[in-house]
Structure formats: structure tokens, C-alpha cells
């Protein structure tokens, strides 16, 4: 790769290991878990992630970009796949207002709908189905109730009349990175064909889970955007996105790979908020 005197700095160690290859302006995103489970699938996901990031950059969406000259394709070392990205140091920025947040998500969603490449149908949701299956062994009544709601939502998502569009797949607030040049979208490994407004629901899902239906950004979305013409469908999509987050985080944490405290907090709020969303606008 031509990088010399590298002093690696670990930035994050979750599903992927993220390392700054200091002093170079390059970050390695290493698919540690998936490479061991399914090497070919890991390579495919990383390659698609690079393609989507480049497409969005060319479409004028502010994104974390692949490293110049080095980020054209995934690399493999000893069976582990990784990609190289431009290093953007964390920068303290002014928080976005509700209207600015909606604008950022809208810019991303509008560009993604025109993405010409092939994407998996309900790809990011399929991972949730696998997590739900693993959670079936747990007797906690809160988890049992959550899985019951999941089954209802799952049937609707796979209904033939559901319109699906290209989406980021996981466009939540923590996937907006504060860089010296402003906020940047990142983490494109979950791009999928998903229901309309999935990315908008992804952004607001945890905000609603912890803040309720009066959460300011959610209220702005349902009152000041085109979503206002079909709030019932949007409420369903937000419910699905909340389920995806809780089920995935619980599964991951119970395997020893995630934040069990945060997943437990999500679970505590789930029943009340999901019930409110089901009644929303009815």
C-alpha cells in the first residue's frame, strides 16, 4: 500500500475494527467478525460500501470518502478483509436543528433512491430476522413480547404490495460524523432495498424510543414534510426501525460483542413506544 512508519491508533472496536494508520490520513475499516464467518460475503459488502460512498460523493452528498489512491477496492490480509478511508478527525460542531437534520437525511435519501447498482432486498432487515431467531431461546417476557410485535411487522414488510427503494439502511444519528468540513454520512455496509422513508425512520428511531412521539425532530417530520400525507405508514416504518435496533443490539450484546446496558435501556422503553406508534393517527 506504500504506507511507511505506521503507528496504528484504534478508534473503535465493535462489529468492525477501525484503526487510524497514523500519521497518514488513512483509516482502515477491518471486517473482523464477518471475514471469519463468511469471507466472500464480507468482501462483497465492503466492495459495495465503497461503490455507494463514491456514488454519493459524486452526487453531492457529504460523505466520509474512501482513501485517495488506496480506497478503490477491499484488501485481504491472512483471510481478513478491510477497506481504507480518508481520515477525518473528530471535530466539535454545532448540533443540527430539527430542520437541518431532516435536510441532511433528505439529501441522502433522495440521492440513494437514484442509486443504479444492485442492492439486497430487505437486506438489513434480514439480519434482524437472524437476530430474532437467536433471541427465541430467551424467556424474558419483555423479549417474548418484542418478538411477537416483530413477527407482525415482519409479515407486513414481506407483503407483496410493499414498495421498496434503495436506502442507506442504517442512517441513524451516530452515522453522521463531525469533521473539519462539516457533518459527513458514513457506514454504508447496510445499503438495501427498503420501504419508503426508511432512512428518515432510521434517523429518528432511537430519538422516538427515548423521547416519545413529542420528540422535536419526529414532530417536524410528521408535520412539516411530505411525510405528513401518510403519517400512519411512517409510524409503521419507525416501529420497524426501532425493532431492528433493539433486536440487533440485544442479540449482539448477549453474545458478548455489544453494549448490554444500552440494549437493556432500549428494551425497557420498547413496549410503551411501540404501542403509541401503532395507535398513531388512527
C-alpha atoms as a PDB file:
ATOM      1  CA  UNK A   1       0.000   0.000   0.000  1.00  0.00           C
ATOM      2  CA  UNK A   2       3.019   2.258   0.238  1.00  0.00           C
ATOM      3  CA  UNK A   3       2.410   3.434   3.806  1.00  0.00           C
ATOM      4  CA  UNK A   4       5.550   3.547   5.945  1.00  0.00           C
ATOM      5  CA  UNK A   5       6.274   4.076   9.651  1.00  0.00           C
ATOM      6  CA  UNK A   6       2.645   3.442  10.535  1.00  0.00           C
ATOM      7  CA  UNK A   7       1.643   3.926  14.166  1.00  0.00           C
ATOM      8  CA  UNK A   8      -1.839   2.371  14.412  1.00  0.00           C
ATOM      9  CA  UNK A   9      -4.414   4.031  16.659  1.00  0.00           C
ATOM     10  CA  UNK A  10      -7.596   2.077  17.446  1.00  0.00           C
ATOM     11  CA  UNK A  11     -10.624   4.340  17.016  1.00  0.00           C
ATOM     12  CA  UNK A  12     -13.365   1.750  17.531  1.00  0.00           C
ATOM     13  CA  UNK A  13     -13.651  -1.982  18.114  1.00  0.00           C
ATOM     14  CA  UNK A  14     -17.172  -3.268  17.523  1.00  0.00           C
ATOM     15  CA  UNK A  15     -18.512  -5.288  14.611  1.00  0.00           C
ATOM     16  CA  UNK A  16     -15.652  -3.754  12.658  1.00  0.00           C
ATOM     17  CA  UNK A  17     -12.223  -2.788  13.933  1.00  0.00           C
ATOM     18  CA  UNK A  18     -11.495   0.842  12.972  1.00  0.00           C
ATOM     19  CA  UNK A  19      -7.828   1.907  13.005  1.00  0.00           C
ATOM     20  CA  UNK A  20      -6.195   5.223  12.082  1.00  0.00           C
ATOM     21  CA  UNK A  21      -2.959   4.411  10.245  1.00  0.00           C
ATOM     22  CA  UNK A  22      -1.173   7.406  11.764  1.00  0.00           C
ATOM     23  CA  UNK A  23       0.493   9.629  10.769  1.00  0.00           C
ATOM     24  CA  UNK A  24      -1.130   9.049   7.368  1.00  0.00           C
ATOM     25  CA  UNK A  25      -4.621  10.461   6.658  1.00  0.00           C
ATOM     26  CA  UNK A  26      -5.947   6.923   6.241  1.00  0.00           C
ATOM     27  CA  UNK A  27      -8.323   4.787   8.315  1.00  0.00           C
ATOM     28  CA  UNK A  28      -8.625   1.007   7.974  1.00  0.00           C
ATOM     29  CA  UNK A  29     -12.117  -0.432   8.425  1.00  0.00           C
ATOM     30  CA  UNK A  30     -11.499  -4.105   9.214  1.00  0.00           C
ATOM     31  CA  UNK A  31     -14.283  -6.678   8.953  1.00  0.00           C
ATOM     32  CA  UNK A  32     -13.021  -8.884  11.764  1.00  0.00           C
ATOM     33  CA  UNK A  33     -16.131 -10.911  12.579  1.00  0.00           C
ATOM     34  CA  UNK A  34     -17.770 -11.351   9.179  1.00  0.00           C
ATOM     35  CA  UNK A  35     -14.477 -12.198   7.454  1.00  0.00           C
ATOM     36  CA  UNK A  36     -14.191 -15.239   9.716  1.00  0.00           C
ATOM     37  CA  UNK A  37     -17.850 -16.217   9.318  1.00  0.00           C
ATOM     38  CA  UNK A  38     -18.243 -15.719   5.555  1.00  0.00           C
ATOM     39  CA  UNK A  39     -15.217 -14.360   3.701  1.00  0.00           C
ATOM     40  CA  UNK A  40     -16.893 -13.978   0.299  1.00  0.00           C
ATOM     41  CA  UNK A  41     -19.866 -12.147   1.806  1.00  0.00           C
ATOM     42  CA  UNK A  42     -17.555  -9.826   3.753  1.00  0.00           C
ATOM     43  CA  UNK A  43     -15.682  -8.913   0.571  1.00  0.00           C
ATOM     44  CA  UNK A  44     -18.948  -8.278  -1.286  1.00  0.00           C
ATOM     45  CA  UNK A  45     -20.301  -5.979   1.434  1.00  0.00           C
ATOM     46  CA  UNK A  46     -17.081  -3.966   1.684  1.00  0.00           C
ATOM     47  CA  UNK A  47     -16.855  -3.566  -2.083  1.00  0.00           C
ATOM     48  CA  UNK A  48     -20.477  -2.394  -2.284  1.00  0.00           C
ATOM     49  CA  UNK A  49     -19.844   0.040   0.567  1.00  0.00           C
ATOM     50  CA  UNK A  50     -17.018   1.658  -1.408  1.00  0.00           C
ATOM     51  CA  UNK A  51     -19.173   1.888  -4.536  1.00  0.00           C
ATOM     52  CA  UNK A  52     -22.045   3.541  -2.663  1.00  0.00           C
ATOM     53  CA  UNK A  53     -19.745   6.025  -0.910  1.00  0.00           C
ATOM     54  CA  UNK A  54     -18.206   7.065  -4.229  1.00  0.00           C
ATOM     55  CA  UNK A  55     -21.642   7.352  -5.846  1.00  0.00           C
ATOM     56  CA  UNK A  56     -22.971   9.561  -3.042  1.00  0.00           C
ATOM     57  CA  UNK A  57     -19.852  11.749  -3.114  1.00  0.00           C
ATOM     58  CA  UNK A  58     -20.302  12.289  -6.857  1.00  0.00           C
ATOM     59  CA  UNK A  59     -23.993  13.053  -6.243  1.00  0.00           C
ATOM     60  CA  UNK A  60     -23.071  15.890  -3.894  1.00  0.00           C
ATOM     61  CA  UNK A  61     -23.888  14.185  -0.601  1.00  0.00           C
ATOM     62  CA  UNK A  62     -21.380  14.933   2.190  1.00  0.00           C
ATOM     63  CA  UNK A  63     -19.863  11.535   2.978  1.00  0.00           C
ATOM     64  CA  UNK A  64     -16.804  10.006   4.554  1.00  0.00           C
ATOM     65  CA  UNK A  65     -14.825   9.111   1.416  1.00  0.00           C
ATOM     66  CA  UNK A  66     -12.574   6.184   0.505  1.00  0.00           C
ATOM     67  CA  UNK A  67      -8.859   6.986   0.800  1.00  0.00           C
ATOM     68  CA  UNK A  68      -7.349   8.631  -2.263  1.00  0.00           C
ATOM     69  CA  UNK A  69      -5.466   6.156  -4.493  1.00  0.00           C
ATOM     70  CA  UNK A  70      -5.794   3.414  -1.843  1.00  0.00           C
ATOM     71  CA  UNK A  71      -9.541   3.016  -1.427  1.00  0.00           C
ATOM     72  CA  UNK A  72     -10.606   1.597  -4.774  1.00  0.00           C
ATOM     73  CA  UNK A  73     -11.217  -1.966  -3.566  1.00  0.00           C
ATOM     74  CA  UNK A  74     -11.133  -4.136  -0.437  1.00  0.00           C
ATOM     75  CA  UNK A  75      -7.843  -5.660   0.730  1.00  0.00           C
ATOM     76  CA  UNK A  76      -7.277  -9.099   2.229  1.00  0.00           C
ATOM     77  CA  UNK A  77      -4.565  -9.992   4.724  1.00  0.00           C
ATOM     78  CA  UNK A  78      -4.499 -13.502   6.176  1.00  0.00           C
ATOM     79  CA  UNK A  79      -8.181 -14.016   5.369  1.00  0.00           C
ATOM     80  CA  UNK A  80      -9.370 -10.747   6.922  1.00  0.00           C
ATOM     81  CA  UNK A  81     -10.977  -8.171   4.615  1.00  0.00           C
ATOM     82  CA  UNK A  82     -10.638  -4.422   5.100  1.00  0.00           C
ATOM     83  CA  UNK A  83     -11.107  -1.130   3.288  1.00  0.00           C
ATOM     84  CA  UNK A  84      -9.225   2.169   3.502  1.00  0.00           C
ATOM     85  CA  UNK A  85     -10.910   5.521   4.091  1.00  0.00           C
ATOM     86  CA  UNK A  86      -9.897   9.148   4.359  1.00  0.00           C
ATOM     87  CA  UNK A  87      -9.090  10.138   7.936  1.00  0.00           C
ATOM     88  CA  UNK A  88     -11.385  12.896   9.151  1.00  0.00           C
ATOM     89  CA  UNK A  89     -10.542  13.925  12.743  1.00  0.00           C
ATOM     90  CA  UNK A  90     -13.462  14.314  15.120  1.00  0.00           C
ATOM     91  CA  UNK A  91     -14.402  17.981  15.335  1.00  0.00           C
ATOM     92  CA  UNK A  92     -16.762  19.701  17.750  1.00  0.00           C
ATOM     93  CA  UNK A  93     -19.631  21.114  15.689  1.00  0.00           C
ATOM     94  CA  UNK A  94     -22.833  22.917  16.498  1.00  0.00           C
ATOM     95  CA  UNK A  95     -25.695  20.410  16.903  1.00  0.00           C
ATOM     96  CA  UNK A  96     -28.073  20.305  13.963  1.00  0.00           C
ATOM     97  CA  UNK A  97     -31.546  21.758  14.400  1.00  0.00           C
ATOM     98  CA  UNK A  98     -34.569  19.564  13.644  1.00  0.00           C
ATOM     99  CA  UNK A  99     -34.987  21.159  10.212  1.00  0.00           C
ATOM    100  CA  UNK A 100     -31.261  20.733   9.438  1.00  0.00           C
ATOM    101  CA  UNK A 101     -31.383  17.078  10.489  1.00  0.00           C
ATOM    102  CA  UNK A 102     -34.319  16.464   8.169  1.00  0.00           C
ATOM    103  CA  UNK A 103     -32.482  18.219   5.329  1.00  0.00           C
ATOM    104  CA  UNK A 104     -29.404  16.034   5.819  1.00  0.00           C
ATOM    105  CA  UNK A 105     -31.475  12.845   5.765  1.00  0.00           C
ATOM    106  CA  UNK A 106     -33.496  14.065   2.782  1.00  0.00           C
ATOM    107  CA  UNK A 107     -30.346  14.801   0.761  1.00  0.00           C
ATOM    108  CA  UNK A 108     -29.051  11.300   1.491  1.00  0.00           C
ATOM    109  CA  UNK A 109     -32.384   9.586   0.775  1.00  0.00           C
ATOM    110  CA  UNK A 110     -33.007  11.456  -2.471  1.00  0.00           C
ATOM    111  CA  UNK A 111     -29.587  10.502  -3.824  1.00  0.00           C
ATOM    112  CA  UNK A 112     -29.884   6.883  -2.670  1.00  0.00           C
ATOM    113  CA  UNK A 113     -33.195   6.423  -4.499  1.00  0.00           C
ATOM    114  CA  UNK A 114     -31.334   7.013  -7.764  1.00  0.00           C
ATOM    115  CA  UNK A 115     -28.541   4.544  -6.970  1.00  0.00           C
ATOM    116  CA  UNK A 116     -28.073   2.379 -10.103  1.00  0.00           C
ATOM    117  CA  UNK A 117     -26.326  -0.601  -8.518  1.00  0.00           C
ATOM    118  CA  UNK A 118     -27.805  -3.883  -7.349  1.00  0.00           C
ATOM    119  CA  UNK A 119     -28.840  -3.988  -3.688  1.00  0.00           C
ATOM    120  CA  UNK A 120     -30.200  -6.797  -1.488  1.00  0.00           C
ATOM    121  CA  UNK A 121     -33.974  -6.830  -0.973  1.00  0.00           C
ATOM    122  CA  UNK A 122     -34.663  -6.023   2.702  1.00  0.00           C
ATOM    123  CA  UNK A 123     -31.008  -6.845   3.274  1.00  0.00           C
ATOM    124  CA  UNK A 124     -30.529  -5.038   6.570  1.00  0.00           C
ATOM    125  CA  UNK A 125     -33.850  -6.439   7.848  1.00  0.00           C
ATOM    126  CA  UNK A 126     -32.774  -9.984   7.018  1.00  0.00           C
ATOM    127  CA  UNK A 127     -30.004  -9.608   9.576  1.00  0.00           C
ATOM    128  CA  UNK A 128     -32.678  -8.640  12.113  1.00  0.00           C
ATOM    129  CA  UNK A 129     -34.570 -11.842  11.296  1.00  0.00           C
ATOM    130  CA  UNK A 130     -31.455 -13.855  12.152  1.00  0.00           C
ATOM    131  CA  UNK A 131     -31.085 -11.961  15.429  1.00  0.00           C
ATOM    132  CA  UNK A 132     -34.756 -12.540  16.271  1.00  0.00           C
ATOM    133  CA  UNK A 133     -34.319 -16.274  15.701  1.00  0.00           C
ATOM    134  CA  UNK A 134     -31.394 -16.360  18.137  1.00  0.00           C
ATOM    135  CA  UNK A 135     -33.405 -14.449  20.761  1.00  0.00           C
ATOM    136  CA  UNK A 136     -36.182 -17.079  20.666  1.00  0.00           C
ATOM    137  CA  UNK A 137     -34.368 -19.076  23.345  1.00  0.00           C
ATOM    138  CA  UNK A 138     -34.756 -16.303  25.934  1.00  0.00           C
ATOM    139  CA  UNK A 139     -37.628 -16.475  28.434  1.00  0.00           C
ATOM    140  CA  UNK A 140     -37.638 -12.790  29.447  1.00  0.00           C
ATOM    141  CA  UNK A 141     -41.297 -11.738  28.911  1.00  0.00           C
ATOM    142  CA  UNK A 142     -40.181  -8.371  27.519  1.00  0.00           C
ATOM    143  CA  UNK A 143     -38.164 -10.138  24.829  1.00  0.00           C
ATOM    144  CA  UNK A 144     -41.071 -12.518  24.137  1.00  0.00           C
ATOM    145  CA  UNK A 145     -43.432  -9.549  23.680  1.00  0.00           C
ATOM    146  CA  UNK A 146     -40.907  -7.793  21.464  1.00  0.00           C
ATOM    147  CA  UNK A 147     -40.596 -10.859  19.231  1.00  0.00           C
ATOM    148  CA  UNK A 148     -44.388 -11.067  18.955  1.00  0.00           C
ATOM    149  CA  UNK A 149     -44.502  -7.498  17.630  1.00  0.00           C
ATOM    150  CA  UNK A 150     -41.560  -8.319  15.366  1.00  0.00           C
ATOM    151  CA  UNK A 151     -43.466 -11.196  13.738  1.00  0.00           C
ATOM    152  CA  UNK A 152     -46.404  -8.902  12.928  1.00  0.00           C
ATOM    153  CA  UNK A 153     -44.140  -6.256  11.406  1.00  0.00           C
ATOM    154  CA  UNK A 154     -42.087  -8.868   9.560  1.00  0.00           C
ATOM    155  CA  UNK A 155     -45.186 -10.223   7.797  1.00  0.00           C
ATOM    156  CA  UNK A 156     -46.125  -6.733   6.624  1.00  0.00           C
ATOM    157  CA  UNK A 157     -42.619  -5.941   5.393  1.00  0.00           C
ATOM    158  CA  UNK A 158     -42.579  -9.041   3.208  1.00  0.00           C
ATOM    159  CA  UNK A 159     -46.046  -8.323   1.815  1.00  0.00           C
ATOM    160  CA  UNK A 160     -46.064  -8.105  -1.981  1.00  0.00           C
ATOM    161  CA  UNK A 161     -47.599  -4.626  -2.058  1.00  0.00           C
ATOM    162  CA  UNK A 162     -44.730  -3.039  -0.082  1.00  0.00           C
ATOM    163  CA  UNK A 163     -42.825  -0.539  -2.274  1.00  0.00           C
ATOM    164  CA  UNK A 164     -39.062  -0.782  -1.771  1.00  0.00           C
ATOM    165  CA  UNK A 165     -36.397   1.789  -2.714  1.00  0.00           C
ATOM    166  CA  UNK A 166     -32.591   1.979  -2.375  1.00  0.00           C
ATOM    167  CA  UNK A 167     -31.671   3.170   1.135  1.00  0.00           C
ATOM    168  CA  UNK A 168     -28.600   3.731   3.293  1.00  0.00           C
ATOM    169  CA  UNK A 169     -30.160   1.185   5.636  1.00  0.00           C
ATOM    170  CA  UNK A 170     -28.736   2.451   8.920  1.00  0.00           C
ATOM    171  CA  UNK A 171     -28.901   6.256   8.726  1.00  0.00           C
ATOM    172  CA  UNK A 172     -29.054   6.958  12.449  1.00  0.00           C
ATOM    173  CA  UNK A 173     -27.563   9.968  14.199  1.00  0.00           C
ATOM    174  CA  UNK A 174     -24.303   8.253  15.142  1.00  0.00           C
ATOM    175  CA  UNK A 175     -23.590   7.621  11.463  1.00  0.00           C
ATOM    176  CA  UNK A 176     -23.198  11.365  10.936  1.00  0.00           C
ATOM    177  CA  UNK A 177     -19.534  12.148  11.577  1.00  0.00           C
ATOM    178  CA  UNK A 178     -18.445  15.655  12.717  1.00  0.00           C
ATOM    179  CA  UNK A 179     -15.443  16.526  10.533  1.00  0.00           C
ATOM    180  CA  UNK A 180     -13.438  19.739   9.997  1.00  0.00           C
ATOM    181  CA  UNK A 181     -15.502  20.284   6.837  1.00  0.00           C
ATOM    182  CA  UNK A 182     -18.870  19.650   8.480  1.00  0.00           C
ATOM    183  CA  UNK A 183     -21.151  16.671   9.076  1.00  0.00           C
ATOM    184  CA  UNK A 184     -20.460  13.589   6.939  1.00  0.00           C
ATOM    185  CA  UNK A 185     -22.546  10.456   6.374  1.00  0.00           C
ATOM    186  CA  UNK A 186     -20.644   7.218   6.927  1.00  0.00           C
ATOM    187  CA  UNK A 187     -21.079   3.450   7.314  1.00  0.00           C
ATOM    188  CA  UNK A 188     -22.680   2.186   4.091  1.00  0.00           C
ATOM    189  CA  UNK A 189     -22.441  -1.557   4.740  1.00  0.00           C
ATOM    190  CA  UNK A 190     -26.216  -1.916   5.246  1.00  0.00           C
ATOM    191  CA  UNK A 191     -27.408  -0.377   1.958  1.00  0.00           C
ATOM    192  CA  UNK A 192     -30.548  -2.252   0.914  1.00  0.00           C
ATOM    193  CA  UNK A 193     -33.877  -2.018  -0.855  1.00  0.00           C
ATOM    194  CA  UNK A 194     -36.177  -0.911   1.960  1.00  0.00           C
ATOM    195  CA  UNK A 195     -39.593   0.762   2.452  1.00  0.00           C
ATOM    196  CA  UNK A 196     -40.002   4.426   1.536  1.00  0.00           C
ATOM    197  CA  UNK A 197     -38.695   6.785   4.250  1.00  0.00           C
ATOM    198  CA  UNK A 198     -36.637   4.006   5.864  1.00  0.00           C
ATOM    199  CA  UNK A 199     -33.618   6.290   6.235  1.00  0.00           C
ATOM    200  CA  UNK A 200     -35.752   9.015   7.800  1.00  0.00           C
ATOM    201  CA  UNK A 201     -37.168   6.444  10.225  1.00  0.00           C
ATOM    202  CA  UNK A 202     -33.641   5.215  10.957  1.00  0.00           C
ATOM    203  CA  UNK A 203     -32.543   8.696  11.936  1.00  0.00           C
ATOM    204  CA  UNK A 204     -35.437   9.314  14.291  1.00  0.00           C
ATOM    205  CA  UNK A 205     -35.974   5.773  15.639  1.00  0.00           C
ATOM    206  CA  UNK A 206     -33.942   5.961  18.845  1.00  0.00           C
ATOM    207  CA  UNK A 207     -34.930   9.599  19.335  1.00  0.00           C
ATOM    208  CA  UNK A 208     -38.568   8.472  19.462  1.00  0.00           C
ATOM    209  CA  UNK A 209     -37.744   5.400  21.557  1.00  0.00           C
ATOM    210  CA  UNK A 210     -36.223   7.522  24.326  1.00  0.00           C
ATOM    211  CA  UNK A 211     -38.087  10.786  23.746  1.00  0.00           C
ATOM    212  CA  UNK A 212     -41.584   9.654  22.803  1.00  0.00           C
ATOM    213  CA  UNK A 213     -43.834  10.880  19.998  1.00  0.00           C
ATOM    214  CA  UNK A 214     -43.358  14.508  21.028  1.00  0.00           C
ATOM    215  CA  UNK A 215     -39.647  14.318  20.198  1.00  0.00           C
ATOM    216  CA  UNK A 216     -38.936  17.541  18.191  1.00  0.00           C
ATOM    217  CA  UNK A 217     -37.359  16.010  15.079  1.00  0.00           C
ATOM    218  CA  UNK A 218     -40.119  13.403  14.799  1.00  0.00           C
ATOM    219  CA  UNK A 219     -42.779  16.121  15.167  1.00  0.00           C
ATOM    220  CA  UNK A 220     -41.064  18.194  12.484  1.00  0.00           C
ATOM    221  CA  UNK A 221     -41.019  15.202  10.134  1.00  0.00           C
ATOM    222  CA  UNK A 222     -44.709  14.373  10.514  1.00  0.00           C
ATOM    223  CA  UNK A 223     -45.884  17.990  10.476  1.00  0.00           C
ATOM    224  CA  UNK A 224     -43.534  19.872   8.115  1.00  0.00           C
ATOM    225  CA  UNK A 225     -42.500  17.390   5.388  1.00  0.00           C
ATOM    226  CA  UNK A 226     -44.156  15.228   2.734  1.00  0.00           C
ATOM    227  CA  UNK A 227     -44.450  12.529   5.395  1.00  0.00           C
ATOM    228  CA  UNK A 228     -47.448  14.454   6.751  1.00  0.00           C
ATOM    229  CA  UNK A 229     -49.561  12.991   3.925  1.00  0.00           C
ATOM    230  CA  UNK A 230     -49.036   9.417   5.160  1.00  0.00           C
ATOM    231  CA  UNK A 231     -48.106   9.506   8.823  1.00  0.00           C
ATOM    232  CA  UNK A 232     -49.593   6.073   9.527  1.00  0.00           C
ATOM    233  CA  UNK A 233     -47.199   4.401   7.075  1.00  0.00           C
ATOM    234  CA  UNK A 234     -44.297   6.395   8.503  1.00  0.00           C
ATOM    235  CA  UNK A 235     -45.202   5.375  12.056  1.00  0.00           C
ATOM    236  CA  UNK A 236     -45.105   1.736  10.912  1.00  0.00           C
ATOM    237  CA  UNK A 237     -41.656   2.244   9.376  1.00  0.00           C
ATOM    238  CA  UNK A 238     -40.375   3.907  12.553  1.00  0.00           C
ATOM    239  CA  UNK A 239     -41.690   0.913  14.539  1.00  0.00           C
ATOM    240  CA  UNK A 240     -39.838  -1.481  12.244  1.00  0.00           C
ATOM    241  CA  UNK A 241     -36.650   0.537  12.582  1.00  0.00           C
ATOM    242  CA  UNK A 242     -36.925   0.608  16.378  1.00  0.00           C
ATOM    243  CA  UNK A 243     -37.433  -3.165  16.402  1.00  0.00           C
ATOM    244  CA  UNK A 244     -34.370  -3.612  14.197  1.00  0.00           C
ATOM    245  CA  UNK A 245     -32.254  -1.562  16.572  1.00  0.00           C
ATOM    246  CA  UNK A 246     -33.388  -3.252  19.786  1.00  0.00           C
ATOM    247  CA  UNK A 247     -33.330  -6.822  18.462  1.00  0.00           C
ATOM    248  CA  UNK A 248     -29.948  -6.395  16.792  1.00  0.00           C
ATOM    249  CA  UNK A 249     -28.376  -4.677  19.800  1.00  0.00           C
ATOM    250  CA  UNK A 250     -29.760  -7.255  22.235  1.00  0.00           C
ATOM    251  CA  UNK A 251     -28.579 -10.174  20.137  1.00  0.00           C
ATOM    252  CA  UNK A 252     -25.145  -8.651  19.664  1.00  0.00           C
ATOM    253  CA  UNK A 253     -24.763  -7.732  23.348  1.00  0.00           C
ATOM    254  CA  UNK A 254     -25.943 -11.107  24.651  1.00  0.00           C
ATOM    255  CA  UNK A 255     -23.244 -12.718  22.511  1.00  0.00           C
ATOM    256  CA  UNK A 256     -20.690 -10.564  24.311  1.00  0.00           C
ATOM    257  CA  UNK A 257     -19.968  -8.165  21.453  1.00  0.00           C
ATOM    258  CA  UNK A 258     -22.068  -5.103  22.282  1.00  0.00           C
ATOM    259  CA  UNK A 259     -23.389  -2.682  24.887  1.00  0.00           C
ATOM    260  CA  UNK A 260     -25.811  -4.688  27.036  1.00  0.00           C
ATOM    261  CA  UNK A 261     -26.645  -1.703  29.248  1.00  0.00           C
ATOM    262  CA  UNK A 262     -27.790   0.354  26.249  1.00  0.00           C
ATOM    263  CA  UNK A 263     -29.712  -2.575  24.731  1.00  0.00           C
ATOM    264  CA  UNK A 264     -31.457  -3.127  28.077  1.00  0.00           C
ATOM    265  CA  UNK A 265     -32.448   0.549  28.229  1.00  0.00           C
ATOM    266  CA  UNK A 266     -33.919   0.217  24.745  1.00  0.00           C
ATOM    267  CA  UNK A 267     -35.874  -2.863  25.798  1.00  0.00           C
ATOM    268  CA  UNK A 268     -37.321  -1.040  28.816  1.00  0.00           C
ATOM    269  CA  UNK A 269     -38.803   1.671  26.580  1.00  0.00           C
ATOM    270  CA  UNK A 270     -39.945  -0.620  23.760  1.00  0.00           C
ATOM    271  CA  UNK A 271     -43.447  -1.700  24.760  1.00  0.00           C
ATOM    272  CA  UNK A 272     -44.831   1.756  25.515  1.00  0.00           C
ATOM    273  CA  UNK A 273     -43.405   3.500  22.456  1.00  0.00           C
ATOM    274  CA  UNK A 274     -44.318   0.713  20.024  1.00  0.00           C
ATOM    275  CA  UNK A 275     -47.890   0.760  21.355  1.00  0.00           C
ATOM    276  CA  UNK A 276     -48.078   4.531  20.845  1.00  0.00           C
ATOM    277  CA  UNK A 277     -46.776   4.238  17.293  1.00  0.00           C
ATOM    278  CA  UNK A 278     -49.330   1.534  16.491  1.00  0.00           C
ATOM    279  CA  UNK A 279     -52.129   3.867  17.551  1.00  0.00           C
ATOM    280  CA  UNK A 280     -50.592   6.900  15.857  1.00  0.00           C
ATOM    281  CA  UNK A 281     -53.017   8.734  13.538  1.00  0.00           C
ATOM    282  CA  UNK A 282     -55.718   6.077  13.877  1.00  0.00           C
END
